[in-house]
Amino acid sequence: MSRIKTVQFVSLRENQVSMFWQIPQYVVITCGEILFSITGLSFAYSQAPTSMKSVLQAAWLMTVAFGNLVVIVFAEARLVQRQVPSLYVFLCLSFFTTSFVFFP
């Protein structure tokens, strides 16, 4: 009976890169989201009639929730096993949704 011998090559050991490298990324993303949300909600609140202000704010928050749901579905579906191609999928989704804003 012949035995199959497998060899695994690892270019970077696990937990070699510190998690502190993510802190600047989270700071930038959080600042961008805060600035975008404040501007959008302020514009929607100032331009809406009195009877529609809460409806517009609810619609704004619903689109944020829908975006988070899309991210969860794509992340948990694991259509792409590696991390870098999955980030490219999110990049393409971002460009796709942004194109609807600039080119309706």
PDB file of N, CA and C in Angstrom:
ATOM      1  N   MET A   1       0.849  -1.159   0.000  1.00  0.00           N
ATOM      2  CA  MET A   1       0.000   0.000   0.000  1.00  0.00           C
ATOM      3  C   MET A   1       0.909   1.241   0.000  1.00  0.00           C
ATOM      4  N   SER A   2       0.631   2.173  -0.903  1.00  0.00           N
ATOM      5  CA  SER A   2       1.453   3.379  -0.982  1.00  0.00           C
ATOM      6  C   SER A   2       0.833   4.491  -0.145  1.00  0.00           C
ATOM      7  N   ARG A   3       1.689   5.277   0.437  1.00  0.00           N
ATOM      8  CA  ARG A   3       1.228   6.391   1.253  1.00  0.00           C
ATOM      9  C   ARG A   3       1.405   7.696   0.485  1.00  0.00           C
ATOM     10  N   ILE A   4       0.448   8.559   0.673  1.00  0.00           N
ATOM     11  CA  ILE A   4       0.520   9.874   0.038  1.00  0.00           C
ATOM     12  C   ILE A   4       1.109  10.844   1.048  1.00  0.00           C
ATOM     13  N   LYS A   5       2.149  11.512   0.610  1.00  0.00           N
ATOM     14  CA  LYS A   5       2.808  12.460   1.489  1.00  0.00           C
ATOM     15  C   LYS A   5       2.465  13.874   1.018  1.00  0.00           C
ATOM     16  N   THR A   6       1.959  14.693   1.935  1.00  0.00           N
ATOM     17  CA  THR A   6       1.608  16.063   1.584  1.00  0.00           C
ATOM     18  C   THR A   6       2.596  17.021   2.232  1.00  0.00           C
ATOM     19  N   VAL A   7       2.851  18.103   1.532  1.00  0.00           N
ATOM     20  CA  VAL A   7       3.754  19.133   2.033  1.00  0.00           C
ATOM     21  C   VAL A   7       3.008  20.459   2.003  1.00  0.00           C
ATOM     22  N   GLN A   8       3.079  21.199   3.082  1.00  0.00           N
ATOM     23  CA  GLN A   8       2.409  22.488   3.157  1.00  0.00           C
ATOM     24  C   GLN A   8       3.474  23.578   3.284  1.00  0.00           C
ATOM     25  N   PHE A   9       3.400  24.552   2.388  1.00  0.00           N
ATOM     26  CA  PHE A   9       4.319  25.672   2.415  1.00  0.00           C
ATOM     27  C   PHE A   9       3.599  26.886   2.985  1.00  0.00           C
ATOM     28  N   VAL A  10       4.216  27.534   3.959  1.00  0.00           N
ATOM     29  CA  VAL A  10       3.628  28.710   4.589  1.00  0.00           C
ATOM     30  C   VAL A  10       4.591  29.874   4.394  1.00  0.00           C
ATOM     31  N   SER A  11       4.102  30.929   3.742  1.00  0.00           N
ATOM     32  CA  SER A  11       4.973  32.076   3.505  1.00  0.00           C
ATOM     33  C   SER A  11       4.964  33.049   4.676  1.00  0.00           C
ATOM     34  N   LEU A  12       3.933  33.013   5.501  1.00  0.00           N
ATOM     35  CA  LEU A  12       3.842  33.901   6.653  1.00  0.00           C
ATOM     36  C   LEU A  12       3.179  33.136   7.787  1.00  0.00           C
ATOM     37  N   ARG A  13       3.827  33.103   8.908  1.00  0.00           N
ATOM     38  CA  ARG A  13       3.256  32.387  10.038  1.00  0.00           C
ATOM     39  C   ARG A  13       2.009  33.096  10.544  1.00  0.00           C
ATOM     40  N   GLU A  14       1.102  32.346  11.120  1.00  0.00           N
ATOM     41  CA  GLU A  14      -0.128  32.919  11.645  1.00  0.00           C
ATOM     42  C   GLU A  14       0.182  33.901  12.760  1.00  0.00           C
ATOM     43  N   ASN A  15      -0.624  34.950  12.815  1.00  0.00           N
ATOM     44  CA  ASN A  15      -0.503  35.995  13.834  1.00  0.00           C
ATOM     45  C   ASN A  15       0.861  36.676  13.837  1.00  0.00           C
ATOM     46  N   GLN A  16       1.500  36.698  12.691  1.00  0.00           N
ATOM     47  CA  GLN A  16       2.790  37.360  12.574  1.00  0.00           C
ATOM     48  C   GLN A  16       2.612  38.880  12.504  1.00  0.00           C
ATOM     49  N   VAL A  17       1.555  39.323  11.841  1.00  0.00           N
ATOM     50  CA  VAL A  17       1.291  40.748  11.687  1.00  0.00           C
ATOM     51  C   VAL A  17       0.410  41.205  12.846  1.00  0.00           C
ATOM     52  N   SER A  18       0.782  42.317  13.445  1.00  0.00           N
ATOM     53  CA  SER A  18       0.042  42.817  14.596  1.00  0.00           C
ATOM     54  C   SER A  18      -1.340  43.341  14.190  1.00  0.00           C
ATOM     55  N   MET A  19      -2.297  43.146  15.074  1.00  0.00           N
ATOM     56  CA  MET A  19      -3.652  43.650  14.816  1.00  0.00           C
ATOM     57  C   MET A  19      -3.714  45.166  14.902  1.00  0.00           C
ATOM     58  N   PHE A  20      -2.687  45.798  15.470  1.00  0.00           N
ATOM     59  CA  PHE A  20      -2.674  47.250  15.579  1.00  0.00           C
ATOM     60  C   PHE A  20      -2.574  47.934  14.222  1.00  0.00           C
ATOM     61  N   TRP A  21      -2.214  47.195  13.174  1.00  0.00           N
ATOM     62  CA  TRP A  21      -2.187  47.754  11.826  1.00  0.00           C
ATOM     63  C   TRP A  21      -3.596  48.077  11.333  1.00  0.00           C
ATOM     64  N   GLN A  22      -4.615  47.512  11.961  1.00  0.00           N
ATOM     65  CA  GLN A  22      -5.988  47.786  11.562  1.00  0.00           C
ATOM     66  C   GLN A  22      -6.543  49.066  12.174  1.00  0.00           C
ATOM     67  N   ILE A  23      -5.929  49.574  13.218  1.00  0.00           N
ATOM     68  CA  ILE A  23      -6.453  50.758  13.898  1.00  0.00           C
ATOM     69  C   ILE A  23      -6.543  51.960  12.972  1.00  0.00           C
ATOM     70  N   PRO A  24      -5.497  52.312  12.206  1.00  0.00           N
ATOM     71  CA  PRO A  24      -5.647  53.464  11.305  1.00  0.00           C
ATOM     72  C   PRO A  24      -6.736  53.256  10.256  1.00  0.00           C
ATOM     73  N   GLN A  25      -6.906  52.042   9.790  1.00  0.00           N
ATOM     74  CA  GLN A  25      -7.942  51.770   8.798  1.00  0.00           C
ATOM     75  C   GLN A  25      -9.326  51.980   9.392  1.00  0.00           C
ATOM     76  N   TYR A  26      -9.547  51.500  10.603  1.00  0.00           N
ATOM     77  CA  TYR A  26     -10.842  51.696  11.239  1.00  0.00           C
ATOM     78  C   TYR A  26     -11.102  53.176  11.546  1.00  0.00           C
ATOM     79  N   VAL A  27     -10.058  53.916  11.905  1.00  0.00           N
ATOM     80  CA  VAL A  27     -10.223  55.350  12.179  1.00  0.00           C
ATOM     81  C   VAL A  27     -10.660  56.076  10.913  1.00  0.00           C
ATOM     82  N   VAL A  28     -10.014  55.785   9.788  1.00  0.00           N
ATOM     83  CA  VAL A  28     -10.365  56.448   8.529  1.00  0.00           C
ATOM     84  C   VAL A  28     -11.782  56.084   8.095  1.00  0.00           C
ATOM     85  N   ILE A  29     -12.133  54.799   8.169  1.00  0.00           N
ATOM     86  CA  ILE A  29     -13.473  54.370   7.774  1.00  0.00           C
ATOM     87  C   ILE A  29     -14.535  55.000   8.675  1.00  0.00           C
ATOM     88  N   THR A  30     -14.284  55.039   9.974  1.00  0.00           N
ATOM     89  CA  THR A  30     -15.247  55.615  10.913  1.00  0.00           C
ATOM     90  C   THR A  30     -15.425  57.109  10.674  1.00  0.00           C
ATOM     91  N   CYS A  31     -14.316  57.825  10.464  1.00  0.00           N
ATOM     92  CA  CYS A  31     -14.421  59.271  10.184  1.00  0.00           C
ATOM     93  C   CYS A  31     -15.198  59.516   8.895  1.00  0.00           C
ATOM     94  N   GLY A  32     -14.930  58.740   7.864  1.00  0.00           N
ATOM     95  CA  GLY A  32     -15.654  58.894   6.603  1.00  0.00           C
ATOM     96  C   GLY A  32     -17.134  58.612   6.763  1.00  0.00           C
ATOM     97  N   GLU A  33     -17.458  57.577   7.506  1.00  0.00           N
ATOM     98  CA  GLU A  33     -18.879  57.243   7.698  1.00  0.00           C
ATOM     99  C   GLU A  33     -19.589  58.298   8.528  1.00  0.00           C
ATOM    100  N   ILE A  34     -18.918  58.835   9.533  1.00  0.00           N
ATOM    101  CA  ILE A  34     -19.529  59.889  10.346  1.00  0.00           C
ATOM    102  C   ILE A  34     -19.784  61.130   9.501  1.00  0.00           C
ATOM    103  N   LEU A  35     -18.783  61.540   8.727  1.00  0.00           N
ATOM    104  CA  LEU A  35     -18.951  62.734   7.897  1.00  0.00           C
ATOM    105  C   LEU A  35     -20.038  62.534   6.846  1.00  0.00           C
ATOM    106  N   PHE A  36     -20.073  61.364   6.243  1.00  0.00           N
ATOM    107  CA  PHE A  36     -21.074  61.087   5.215  1.00  0.00           C
ATOM    108  C   PHE A  36     -22.474  61.038   5.811  1.00  0.00           C
ATOM    109  N   SER A  37     -22.624  60.394   6.951  1.00  0.00           N
ATOM    110  CA  SER A  37     -23.948  60.275   7.572  1.00  0.00           C
ATOM    111  C   SER A  37     -24.467  61.618   8.050  1.00  0.00           C
ATOM    112  N   ILE A  38     -23.605  62.408   8.669  1.00  0.00           N
ATOM    113  CA  ILE A  38     -24.048  63.708   9.170  1.00  0.00           C
ATOM    114  C   ILE A  38     -24.476  64.594   8.007  1.00  0.00           C
ATOM    115  N   THR A  39     -23.692  64.612   6.930  1.00  0.00           N
ATOM    116  CA  THR A  39     -24.028  65.445   5.779  1.00  0.00           C
ATOM    117  C   THR A  39     -25.332  64.987   5.135  1.00  0.00           C
ATOM    118  N   GLY A  40     -25.480  63.693   4.918  1.00  0.00           N
ATOM    119  CA  GLY A  40     -26.685  63.170   4.272  1.00  0.00           C
ATOM    120  C   GLY A  40     -27.934  63.383   5.096  1.00  0.00           C
ATOM    121  N   LEU A  41     -27.861  63.083   6.375  1.00  0.00           N
ATOM    122  CA  LEU A  41     -29.036  63.260   7.232  1.00  0.00           C
ATOM    123  C   LEU A  41     -29.371  64.731   7.412  1.00  0.00           C
ATOM    124  N   SER A  42     -28.363  65.578   7.485  1.00  0.00           N
ATOM    125  CA  SER A  42     -28.619  67.015   7.602  1.00  0.00           C
ATOM    126  C   SER A  42     -29.306  67.548   6.347  1.00  0.00           C
ATOM    127  N   PHE A  43     -28.841  67.126   5.191  1.00  0.00           N
ATOM    128  CA  PHE A  43     -29.461  67.562   3.945  1.00  0.00           C
ATOM    129  C   PHE A  43     -30.898  67.053   3.846  1.00  0.00           C
ATOM    130  N   ALA A  44     -31.102  65.790   4.154  1.00  0.00           N
ATOM    131  CA  ALA A  44     -32.449  65.224   4.083  1.00  0.00           C
ATOM    132  C   ALA A  44     -33.379  65.919   5.080  1.00  0.00           C
ATOM    133  N   TYR A  45     -32.889  66.227   6.256  1.00  0.00           N
ATOM    134  CA  TYR A  45     -33.728  66.863   7.280  1.00  0.00           C
ATOM    135  C   TYR A  45     -34.042  68.305   6.908  1.00  0.00           C
ATOM    136  N   SER A  46     -33.076  69.021   6.315  1.00  0.00           N
ATOM    137  CA  SER A  46     -33.314  70.437   5.996  1.00  0.00           C
ATOM    138  C   SER A  46     -34.186  70.617   4.764  1.00  0.00           C
ATOM    139  N   GLN A  47     -34.184  69.662   3.835  1.00  0.00           N
ATOM    140  CA  GLN A  47     -34.924  69.821   2.589  1.00  0.00           C
ATOM    141  C   GLN A  47     -36.306  69.176   2.609  1.00  0.00           C
ATOM    142  N   ALA A  48     -36.565  68.348   3.590  1.00  0.00           N
ATOM    143  CA  ALA A  48     -37.839  67.624   3.626  1.00  0.00           C
ATOM    144  C   ALA A  48     -38.924  68.461   4.282  1.00  0.00           C
ATOM    145  N   PRO A  49     -40.177  68.276   3.841  1.00  0.00           N
ATOM    146  CA  PRO A  49     -41.282  68.917   4.558  1.00  0.00           C
ATOM    147  C   PRO A  49     -41.410  68.315   5.961  1.00  0.00           C
ATOM    148  N   THR A  50     -42.078  69.021   6.820  1.00  0.00           N
ATOM    149  CA  THR A  50     -42.190  68.602   8.225  1.00  0.00           C
ATOM    150  C   THR A  50     -42.772  67.199   8.369  1.00  0.00           C
ATOM    151  N   SER A  51     -43.753  66.873   7.552  1.00  0.00           N
ATOM    152  CA  SER A  51     -44.411  65.574   7.681  1.00  0.00           C
ATOM    153  C   SER A  51     -43.548  64.421   7.157  1.00  0.00           C
ATOM    154  N   MET A  52     -42.478  64.714   6.408  1.00  0.00           N
ATOM    155  CA  MET A  52     -41.662  63.658   5.792  1.00  0.00           C
ATOM    156  C   MET A  52     -40.278  63.501   6.416  1.00  0.00           C
ATOM    157  N   LYS A  53     -39.932  64.306   7.418  1.00  0.00           N
ATOM    158  CA  LYS A  53     -38.578  64.280   7.978  1.00  0.00           C
ATOM    159  C   LYS A  53     -38.237  62.913   8.571  1.00  0.00           C
ATOM    160  N   SER A  54     -39.131  62.349   9.326  1.00  0.00           N
ATOM    161  CA  SER A  54     -38.846  61.047   9.937  1.00  0.00           C
ATOM    162  C   SER A  54     -38.821  59.942   8.890  1.00  0.00           C
ATOM    163  N   VAL A  55     -39.634  60.070   7.843  1.00  0.00           N
ATOM    164  CA  VAL A  55     -39.639  59.067   6.776  1.00  0.00           C
ATOM    165  C   VAL A  55     -38.303  59.070   6.035  1.00  0.00           C
ATOM    166  N   LEU A  56     -37.775  60.258   5.750  1.00  0.00           N
ATOM    167  CA  LEU A  56     -36.480  60.333   5.058  1.00  0.00           C
ATOM    168  C   LEU A  56     -35.350  59.806   5.929  1.00  0.00           C
ATOM    169  N   GLN A  57     -35.371  60.102   7.210  1.00  0.00           N
ATOM    170  CA  GLN A  57     -34.338  59.569   8.098  1.00  0.00           C
ATOM    171  C   GLN A  57     -34.439  58.053   8.203  1.00  0.00           C
ATOM    172  N   ALA A  58     -35.658  57.543   8.252  1.00  0.00           N
ATOM    173  CA  ALA A  58     -35.839  56.088   8.289  1.00  0.00           C
ATOM    174  C   ALA A  58     -35.346  55.444   6.997  1.00  0.00           C
ATOM    175  N   ALA A  59     -35.601  56.092   5.854  1.00  0.00           N
ATOM    176  CA  ALA A  59     -35.123  55.562   4.574  1.00  0.00           C
ATOM    177  C   ALA A  59     -33.608  55.578   4.522  1.00  0.00           C
ATOM    178  N   TRP A  60     -33.003  56.633   5.060  1.00  0.00           N
ATOM    179  CA  TRP A  60     -31.532  56.710   5.090  1.00  0.00           C
ATOM    180  C   TRP A  60     -30.965  55.557   5.913  1.00  0.00           C
ATOM    181  N   LEU A  61     -31.490  55.356   7.092  1.00  0.00           N
ATOM    182  CA  LEU A  61     -30.996  54.283   7.956  1.00  0.00           C
ATOM    183  C   LEU A  61     -31.306  52.899   7.379  1.00  0.00           C
ATOM    184  N   MET A  62     -32.408  52.786   6.628  1.00  0.00           N
ATOM    185  CA  MET A  62     -32.740  51.511   5.989  1.00  0.00           C
ATOM    186  C   MET A  62     -31.733  51.174   4.899  1.00  0.00           C
ATOM    187  N   THR A  63     -31.272  52.175   4.152  1.00  0.00           N
ATOM    188  CA  THR A  63     -30.255  51.896   3.137  1.00  0.00           C
ATOM    189  C   THR A  63     -28.937  51.477   3.778  1.00  0.00           C
ATOM    190  N   VAL A  64     -28.600  52.057   4.914  1.00  0.00           N
ATOM    191  CA  VAL A  64     -27.391  51.642   5.638  1.00  0.00           C
ATOM    192  C   VAL A  64     -27.536  50.198   6.109  1.00  0.00           C
ATOM    193  N   ALA A  65     -28.707  49.860   6.644  1.00  0.00           N
ATOM    194  CA  ALA A  65     -28.954  48.490   7.098  1.00  0.00           C
ATOM    195  C   ALA A  65     -28.902  47.508   5.932  1.00  0.00           C
ATOM    196  N   PHE A  66     -29.454  47.901   4.778  1.00  0.00           N
ATOM    197  CA  PHE A  66     -29.417  47.033   3.604  1.00  0.00           C
ATOM    198  C   PHE A  66     -27.975  46.817   3.138  1.00  0.00           C
ATOM    199  N   GLY A  67     -27.173  47.866   3.176  1.00  0.00           N
ATOM    200  CA  GLY A  67     -25.756  47.731   2.814  1.00  0.00           C
ATOM    201  C   GLY A  67     -25.024  46.786   3.751  1.00  0.00           C
ATOM    202  N   ASN A  68     -25.306  46.887   5.043  1.00  0.00           N
ATOM    203  CA  ASN A  68     -24.692  45.971   6.009  1.00  0.00           C
ATOM    204  C   ASN A  68     -25.148  44.535   5.771  1.00  0.00           C
ATOM    205  N   LEU A  69     -26.402  44.359   5.400  1.00  0.00           N
ATOM    206  CA  LEU A  69     -26.917  43.028   5.101  1.00  0.00           C
ATOM    207  C   LEU A  69     -26.226  42.421   3.880  1.00  0.00           C
ATOM    208  N   VAL A  70     -25.988  43.238   2.862  1.00  0.00           N
ATOM    209  CA  VAL A  70     -25.276  42.757   1.667  1.00  0.00           C
ATOM    210  C   VAL A  70     -23.877  42.291   2.037  1.00  0.00           C
ATOM    211  N   VAL A  71     -23.201  43.060   2.871  1.00  0.00           N
ATOM    212  CA  VAL A  71     -21.847  42.672   3.301  1.00  0.00           C
ATOM    213  C   VAL A  71     -21.888  41.356   4.073  1.00  0.00           C
ATOM    214  N   ILE A  72     -22.859  41.199   4.947  1.00  0.00           N
ATOM    215  CA  ILE A  72     -22.959  39.958   5.718  1.00  0.00           C
ATOM    216  C   ILE A  72     -23.220  38.768   4.801  1.00  0.00           C
ATOM    217  N   VAL A  73     -24.116  38.926   3.838  1.00  0.00           N
ATOM    218  CA  VAL A  73     -24.445  37.826   2.936  1.00  0.00           C
ATOM    219  C   VAL A  73     -23.223  37.419   2.118  1.00  0.00           C
ATOM    220  N   PHE A  74     -22.519  38.396   1.545  1.00  0.00           N
ATOM    221  CA  PHE A  74     -21.341  38.058   0.745  1.00  0.00           C
ATOM    222  C   PHE A  74     -20.210  37.489   1.593  1.00  0.00           C
ATOM    223  N   ALA A  75     -20.048  38.006   2.816  1.00  0.00           N
ATOM    224  CA  ALA A  75     -18.974  37.502   3.679  1.00  0.00           C
ATOM    225  C   ALA A  75     -19.267  36.087   4.157  1.00  0.00           C
ATOM    226  N   GLU A  76     -20.517  35.804   4.477  1.00  0.00           N
ATOM    227  CA  GLU A  76     -20.851  34.474   4.994  1.00  0.00           C
ATOM    228  C   GLU A  76     -21.057  33.441   3.888  1.00  0.00           C
ATOM    229  N   ALA A  77     -21.347  33.884   2.673  1.00  0.00           N
ATOM    230  CA  ALA A  77     -21.526  32.932   1.574  1.00  0.00           C
ATOM    231  C   ALA A  77     -20.203  32.286   1.193  1.00  0.00           C
ATOM    232  N   ARG A  78     -19.124  32.990   1.439  1.00  0.00           N
ATOM    233  CA  ARG A  78     -17.763  32.498   1.143  1.00  0.00           C
ATOM    234  C   ARG A  78     -17.643  31.984  -0.282  1.00  0.00           C
ATOM    235  N   LEU A  79     -18.099  32.829  -1.205  1.00  0.00           N
ATOM    236  CA  LEU A  79     -17.952  32.485  -2.612  1.00  0.00           C
ATOM    237  C   LEU A  79     -16.487  32.460  -3.011  1.00  0.00           C
ATOM    238  N   VAL A  80     -15.697  33.295  -2.371  1.00  0.00           N
ATOM    239  CA  VAL A  80     -14.255  33.363  -2.612  1.00  0.00           C
ATOM    240  C   VAL A  80     -13.570  32.991  -1.301  1.00  0.00           C
ATOM    241  N   GLN A  81     -12.682  32.032  -1.350  1.00  0.00           N
ATOM    242  CA  GLN A  81     -12.085  31.521  -0.121  1.00  0.00           C
ATOM    243  C   GLN A  81     -10.969  32.411   0.428  1.00  0.00           C
ATOM    244  N   ARG A  82     -10.220  33.056  -0.472  1.00  0.00           N
ATOM    245  CA  ARG A  82      -9.083  33.860  -0.024  1.00  0.00           C
ATOM    246  C   ARG A  82      -9.538  35.287   0.265  1.00  0.00           C
ATOM    247  N   GLN A  83      -8.769  35.986   1.089  1.00  0.00           N
ATOM    248  CA  GLN A  83      -9.188  37.299   1.555  1.00  0.00           C
ATOM    249  C   GLN A  83      -9.035  38.381   0.479  1.00  0.00           C
ATOM    250  N   VAL A  84      -7.946  38.398  -0.246  1.00  0.00           N
ATOM    251  CA  VAL A  84      -7.718  39.464  -1.225  1.00  0.00           C
ATOM    252  C   VAL A  84      -8.774  39.448  -2.337  1.00  0.00           C
ATOM    253  N   PRO A  85      -9.082  38.319  -2.960  1.00  0.00           N
ATOM    254  CA  PRO A  85     -10.151  38.344  -3.971  1.00  0.00           C
ATOM    255  C   PRO A  85     -11.512  38.730  -3.395  1.00  0.00           C
ATOM    256  N   SER A  86     -11.778  38.380  -2.139  1.00  0.00           N
ATOM    257  CA  SER A  86     -13.053  38.773  -1.549  1.00  0.00           C
ATOM    258  C   SER A  86     -13.120  40.285  -1.360  1.00  0.00           C
ATOM    259  N   LEU A  87     -11.983  40.902  -1.060  1.00  0.00           N
ATOM    260  CA  LEU A  87     -11.972  42.362  -0.956  1.00  0.00           C
ATOM    261  C   LEU A  87     -12.190  43.000  -2.319  1.00  0.00           C
ATOM    262  N   TYR A  88     -11.694  42.359  -3.385  1.00  0.00           N
ATOM    263  CA  TYR A  88     -11.958  42.862  -4.733  1.00  0.00           C
ATOM    264  C   TYR A  88     -13.455  42.741  -5.074  1.00  0.00           C
ATOM    265  N   VAL A  89     -14.109  41.721  -4.561  1.00  0.00           N
ATOM    266  CA  VAL A  89     -15.558  41.588  -4.775  1.00  0.00           C
ATOM    267  C   VAL A  89     -16.281  42.767  -4.128  1.00  0.00           C
ATOM    268  N   PHE A  90     -15.887  43.126  -2.895  1.00  0.00           N
ATOM    269  CA  PHE A  90     -16.503  44.275  -2.236  1.00  0.00           C
ATOM    270  C   PHE A  90     -16.176  45.572  -2.971  1.00  0.00           C
ATOM    271  N   LEU A  91     -14.987  45.674  -3.520  1.00  0.00           N
ATOM    272  CA  LEU A  91     -14.616  46.851  -4.308  1.00  0.00           C
ATOM    273  C   LEU A  91     -15.506  46.973  -5.534  1.00  0.00           C
ATOM    274  N   CYS A  92     -15.712  45.874  -6.232  1.00  0.00           N
ATOM    275  CA  CYS A  92     -16.587  45.893  -7.416  1.00  0.00           C
ATOM    276  C   CYS A  92     -18.029  46.225  -7.039  1.00  0.00           C
ATOM    277  N   LEU A  93     -18.499  45.705  -5.917  1.00  0.00           N
ATOM    278  CA  LEU A  93     -19.844  46.053  -5.450  1.00  0.00           C
ATOM    279  C   LEU A  93     -19.957  47.544  -5.141  1.00  0.00           C
ATOM    280  N   SER A  94     -18.914  48.110  -4.560  1.00  0.00           N
ATOM    281  CA  SER A  94     -18.920  49.538  -4.264  1.00  0.00           C
ATOM    282  C   SER A  94     -18.979  50.362  -5.533  1.00  0.00           C
ATOM    283  N   PHE A  95     -18.164  50.008  -6.532  1.00  0.00           N
ATOM    284  CA  PHE A  95     -18.192  50.732  -7.799  1.00  0.00           C
ATOM    285  C   PHE A  95     -19.540  50.560  -8.495  1.00  0.00           C
ATOM    286  N   PHE A  96     -20.110  49.376  -8.404  1.00  0.00           N
ATOM    287  CA  PHE A  96     -21.409  49.102  -9.029  1.00  0.00           C
ATOM    288  C   PHE A  96     -22.505  49.976  -8.423  1.00  0.00           C
ATOM    289  N   THR A  97     -22.548  50.031  -7.094  1.00  0.00           N
ATOM    290  CA  THR A  97     -23.590  50.832  -6.452  1.00  0.00           C
ATOM    291  C   THR A  97     -23.321  52.327  -6.615  1.00  0.00           C
ATOM    292  N   THR A  98     -22.073  52.734  -6.643  1.00  0.00           N
ATOM    293  CA  THR A  98     -21.752  54.153  -6.828  1.00  0.00           C
ATOM    294  C   THR A  98     -22.118  54.607  -8.237  1.00  0.00           C
ATOM    295  N   SER A  99     -22.030  53.722  -9.200  1.00  0.00           N
ATOM    296  CA  SER A  99     -22.359  54.116 -10.578  1.00  0.00           C
ATOM    297  C   SER A  99     -23.828  54.493 -10.694  1.00  0.00           C
ATOM    298  N   PHE A 100     -24.699  53.945  -9.848  1.00  0.00           N
ATOM    299  CA  PHE A 100     -26.109  54.320  -9.875  1.00  0.00           C
ATOM    300  C   PHE A 100     -26.309  55.744  -9.368  1.00  0.00           C
ATOM    301  N   VAL A 101     -25.434  56.199  -8.490  1.00  0.00           N
ATOM    302  CA  VAL A 101     -25.554  57.545  -7.950  1.00  0.00           C
ATOM    303  C   VAL A 101     -25.114  58.575  -8.989  1.00  0.00           C
ATOM    304  N   PHE A 102     -23.979  58.319  -9.636  1.00  0.00           N
ATOM    305  CA  PHE A 102     -23.431  59.304 -10.566  1.00  0.00           C
ATOM    306  C   PHE A 102     -23.998  59.194 -11.967  1.00  0.00           C
ATOM    307  N   PHE A 103     -24.451  58.016 -12.363  1.00  0.00           N
ATOM    308  CA  PHE A 103     -24.983  57.809 -13.705  1.00  0.00           C
ATOM    309  C   PHE A 103     -26.358  57.135 -13.615  1.00  0.00           C
ATOM    310  N   PRO A 104     -27.401  57.876 -13.220  1.00  0.00           N
ATOM    311  CA  PRO A 104     -28.720  57.245 -13.034  1.00  0.00           C
ATOM    312  C   PRO A 104     -29.366  56.807 -14.331  1.00  0.00           C
TER     313      PRO A 104
END
